[in-house]
N, C-alpha and C. Protein backbone atom coordinates (compact mmCIF):
# COMPACT_ATOMS: atom_id res chain seq x y z
N MET A 1 -115.19 -2.47 353.15
CA MET A 1 -114.55 -3.62 353.75
C MET A 1 -115.48 -4.19 354.82
N LEU A 2 -115.64 -5.50 354.80
CA LEU A 2 -116.45 -6.19 355.80
C LEU A 2 -115.52 -6.96 356.73
N VAL A 3 -115.56 -6.63 358.00
CA VAL A 3 -114.76 -7.31 359.01
C VAL A 3 -115.71 -7.97 359.99
N GLU A 4 -115.53 -9.28 360.17
CA GLU A 4 -116.41 -10.04 361.06
C GLU A 4 -115.58 -10.74 362.13
N LEU A 5 -116.10 -10.73 363.33
CA LEU A 5 -115.54 -11.48 364.44
C LEU A 5 -116.59 -12.50 364.85
N LEU A 6 -116.30 -13.76 364.62
CA LEU A 6 -117.22 -14.84 364.99
C LEU A 6 -116.74 -15.46 366.29
N VAL A 7 -117.65 -15.57 367.24
CA VAL A 7 -117.29 -16.11 368.55
C VAL A 7 -118.37 -17.05 369.07
N ALA A 8 -117.93 -18.01 369.86
CA ALA A 8 -118.85 -18.88 370.57
C ALA A 8 -119.24 -18.18 371.87
N PRO A 9 -120.42 -18.48 372.40
CA PRO A 9 -120.81 -17.89 373.69
C PRO A 9 -119.77 -18.22 374.77
N GLY A 10 -119.40 -17.21 375.53
CA GLY A 10 -118.46 -17.41 376.62
C GLY A 10 -117.01 -17.56 376.20
N CYS A 11 -116.69 -17.25 374.95
CA CYS A 11 -115.31 -17.38 374.47
C CYS A 11 -114.38 -16.52 375.33
N PRO A 12 -113.37 -17.14 375.97
CA PRO A 12 -112.50 -16.37 376.85
C PRO A 12 -111.59 -15.39 376.10
N ALA A 13 -111.42 -15.58 374.82
CA ALA A 13 -110.55 -14.70 374.03
C ALA A 13 -111.32 -13.59 373.32
N ARG A 14 -112.63 -13.56 373.48
CA ARG A 14 -113.44 -12.58 372.74
C ARG A 14 -113.02 -11.14 373.02
N GLN A 15 -112.96 -10.76 374.28
CA GLN A 15 -112.69 -9.36 374.63
C GLN A 15 -111.32 -8.92 374.11
N ASP A 16 -110.29 -9.72 374.35
CA ASP A 16 -108.95 -9.35 373.89
C ASP A 16 -108.89 -9.26 372.37
N THR A 17 -109.53 -10.21 371.70
CA THR A 17 -109.53 -10.22 370.23
C THR A 17 -110.28 -9.01 369.70
N GLU A 18 -111.42 -8.72 370.29
CA GLU A 18 -112.23 -7.58 369.86
C GLU A 18 -111.47 -6.26 370.04
N GLU A 19 -110.79 -6.12 371.16
CA GLU A 19 -110.01 -4.90 371.43
C GLU A 19 -108.84 -4.77 370.46
N LEU A 20 -108.12 -5.84 370.24
CA LEU A 20 -106.99 -5.81 369.30
C LEU A 20 -107.46 -5.52 367.89
N LEU A 21 -108.52 -6.17 367.48
CA LEU A 21 -109.07 -5.95 366.14
C LEU A 21 -109.49 -4.49 365.97
N GLN A 22 -110.15 -3.92 366.96
CA GLN A 22 -110.57 -2.51 366.87
C GLN A 22 -109.36 -1.59 366.82
N LYS A 23 -108.33 -1.89 367.60
CA LYS A 23 -107.12 -1.07 367.59
C LYS A 23 -106.48 -1.07 366.21
N ILE A 24 -106.40 -2.23 365.60
CA ILE A 24 -105.83 -2.34 364.25
C ILE A 24 -106.68 -1.57 363.25
N LEU A 25 -108.00 -1.74 363.34
CA LEU A 25 -108.89 -1.03 362.43
C LEU A 25 -108.82 0.48 362.63
N ASP A 26 -108.69 0.94 363.86
CA ASP A 26 -108.58 2.37 364.13
C ASP A 26 -107.36 2.96 363.41
N GLU A 27 -106.30 2.19 363.32
CA GLU A 27 -105.09 2.65 362.66
C GLU A 27 -105.16 2.54 361.14
N LEU A 28 -105.72 1.44 360.65
CA LEU A 28 -105.67 1.17 359.21
C LEU A 28 -106.93 1.54 358.44
N ALA A 29 -108.07 1.46 359.10
CA ALA A 29 -109.35 1.73 358.43
C ALA A 29 -110.34 2.25 359.48
N PRO A 30 -110.15 3.49 359.93
CA PRO A 30 -110.95 4.01 361.04
C PRO A 30 -112.46 4.05 360.79
N GLU A 31 -112.86 3.99 359.55
CA GLU A 31 -114.29 4.02 359.24
C GLU A 31 -114.95 2.65 359.38
N VAL A 32 -114.16 1.62 359.56
CA VAL A 32 -114.68 0.25 359.61
C VAL A 32 -114.89 -0.18 361.05
N ARG A 33 -116.04 -0.78 361.31
CA ARG A 33 -116.35 -1.36 362.60
C ARG A 33 -116.61 -2.84 362.39
N PRO A 34 -116.03 -3.68 363.21
CA PRO A 34 -116.25 -5.12 363.02
C PRO A 34 -117.66 -5.53 363.39
N ARG A 35 -118.17 -6.49 362.67
CA ARG A 35 -119.48 -7.08 362.97
C ARG A 35 -119.23 -8.32 363.83
N VAL A 36 -119.79 -8.34 365.02
CA VAL A 36 -119.61 -9.48 365.92
C VAL A 36 -120.79 -10.43 365.71
N ILE A 37 -120.45 -11.69 365.45
CA ILE A 37 -121.45 -12.72 365.23
C ILE A 37 -121.26 -13.80 366.30
N VAL A 38 -122.28 -13.99 367.11
CA VAL A 38 -122.22 -15.04 368.14
C VAL A 38 -122.76 -16.32 367.51
N VAL A 39 -121.90 -17.32 367.46
CA VAL A 39 -122.26 -18.61 366.89
C VAL A 39 -122.70 -19.50 368.04
N ASP A 40 -124.02 -19.62 368.20
CA ASP A 40 -124.54 -20.28 369.39
C ASP A 40 -125.28 -21.59 369.14
N THR A 41 -125.28 -22.06 367.90
CA THR A 41 -125.88 -23.37 367.62
C THR A 41 -125.00 -24.12 366.62
N ALA A 42 -125.10 -25.42 366.65
CA ALA A 42 -124.34 -26.24 365.70
C ALA A 42 -124.77 -25.96 364.27
N VAL A 43 -126.05 -25.74 364.07
CA VAL A 43 -126.57 -25.44 362.73
C VAL A 43 -125.93 -24.14 362.20
N LYS A 44 -125.87 -23.14 363.04
CA LYS A 44 -125.27 -21.86 362.66
C LYS A 44 -123.77 -22.03 362.39
N ALA A 45 -123.11 -22.83 363.21
CA ALA A 45 -121.67 -23.08 363.03
C ALA A 45 -121.39 -23.72 361.68
N ILE A 46 -122.19 -24.68 361.32
CA ILE A 46 -122.00 -25.36 360.03
C ILE A 46 -122.32 -24.41 358.88
N ALA A 47 -123.40 -23.67 359.00
CA ALA A 47 -123.79 -22.72 357.94
C ALA A 47 -122.73 -21.66 357.72
N LEU A 48 -122.08 -21.21 358.81
CA LEU A 48 -121.05 -20.18 358.71
C LEU A 48 -119.64 -20.74 358.49
N LYS A 49 -119.55 -22.07 358.44
CA LYS A 49 -118.24 -22.74 358.32
C LYS A 49 -117.29 -22.22 359.40
N PHE A 50 -117.78 -22.33 360.62
CA PHE A 50 -117.11 -21.81 361.81
C PHE A 50 -116.09 -22.82 362.32
N PRO A 51 -114.79 -22.52 362.16
CA PRO A 51 -113.77 -23.49 362.58
C PRO A 51 -113.44 -23.44 364.07
N GLY A 52 -113.80 -22.35 364.74
CA GLY A 52 -113.50 -22.22 366.16
C GLY A 52 -113.54 -20.77 366.59
N SER A 53 -113.51 -20.59 367.90
CA SER A 53 -113.66 -19.26 368.48
C SER A 53 -112.36 -18.77 369.09
N PRO A 54 -111.97 -17.56 368.77
CA PRO A 54 -112.58 -16.60 367.87
C PRO A 54 -112.10 -16.81 366.43
N THR A 55 -112.90 -16.34 365.50
CA THR A 55 -112.55 -16.35 364.09
C THR A 55 -112.71 -14.93 363.56
N VAL A 56 -111.70 -14.46 362.84
CA VAL A 56 -111.77 -13.13 362.23
C VAL A 56 -111.76 -13.32 360.72
N ARG A 57 -112.71 -12.69 360.07
CA ARG A 57 -112.79 -12.74 358.60
C ARG A 57 -112.83 -11.32 358.05
N ILE A 58 -112.13 -11.15 356.95
CA ILE A 58 -112.14 -9.89 356.22
C ILE A 58 -112.66 -10.17 354.83
N ASN A 59 -113.75 -9.51 354.49
CA ASN A 59 -114.42 -9.73 353.20
C ASN A 59 -114.66 -11.22 352.96
N GLY A 60 -115.06 -11.91 354.02
CA GLY A 60 -115.42 -13.32 353.92
C GLY A 60 -114.28 -14.31 354.01
N ARG A 61 -113.05 -13.82 354.06
CA ARG A 61 -111.88 -14.71 354.14
C ARG A 61 -111.30 -14.70 355.54
N ASP A 62 -111.06 -15.90 356.05
CA ASP A 62 -110.48 -16.07 357.37
C ASP A 62 -109.05 -15.54 357.35
N ILE A 63 -108.64 -14.84 358.41
CA ILE A 63 -107.27 -14.33 358.45
C ILE A 63 -106.26 -15.44 358.76
N GLU A 64 -106.74 -16.58 359.22
CA GLU A 64 -105.89 -17.74 359.47
C GLU A 64 -105.72 -18.48 358.14
N PRO A 65 -104.50 -18.53 357.59
CA PRO A 65 -104.30 -19.09 356.25
C PRO A 65 -104.82 -20.52 356.05
N GLU A 66 -104.74 -21.35 357.04
CA GLU A 66 -105.13 -22.75 356.88
C GLU A 66 -106.61 -23.01 357.21
N ALA A 67 -107.31 -22.01 357.69
CA ALA A 67 -108.70 -22.21 358.14
C ALA A 67 -109.62 -22.67 357.02
N ASP A 68 -109.39 -22.22 355.81
CA ASP A 68 -110.25 -22.60 354.70
C ASP A 68 -110.15 -24.07 354.35
N LYS A 69 -109.12 -24.72 354.85
CA LYS A 69 -108.94 -26.16 354.58
C LYS A 69 -109.65 -27.04 355.60
N SER A 70 -110.16 -26.42 356.66
CA SER A 70 -110.82 -27.18 357.72
C SER A 70 -112.15 -27.74 357.22
N LEU A 71 -112.43 -28.94 357.61
CA LEU A 71 -113.72 -29.56 357.30
C LEU A 71 -114.52 -29.81 358.57
N ASN A 72 -113.94 -29.43 359.70
CA ASN A 72 -114.60 -29.62 360.99
C ASN A 72 -115.17 -28.31 361.48
N TYR A 73 -116.47 -28.16 361.29
CA TYR A 73 -117.13 -26.93 361.73
C TYR A 73 -118.09 -27.30 362.86
N GLY A 74 -118.19 -26.42 363.83
CA GLY A 74 -119.12 -26.67 364.91
C GLY A 74 -118.70 -25.94 366.17
N LEU A 75 -119.38 -26.29 367.23
CA LEU A 75 -119.08 -25.72 368.54
C LEU A 75 -118.41 -26.77 369.39
N GLY A 76 -117.22 -26.42 369.91
CA GLY A 76 -116.43 -27.24 370.82
C GLY A 76 -116.77 -28.63 370.82
């Protein structure tokens, strides 16, 4: 299982999201560690289809059901 946490630099929700995500993984899949990706350029945001910070993806799918419908990718 691939778990990714995508964040913009200085994201105020990063720490809380990272802690909650790790807590959930510790309970459900203790062998899995999330990969944190800092999205720090507009080019990277577009390439990663980054809808906003924070974004959590599991096996490439956003956990937010409507996120895949977004066409606005970028940094703030």
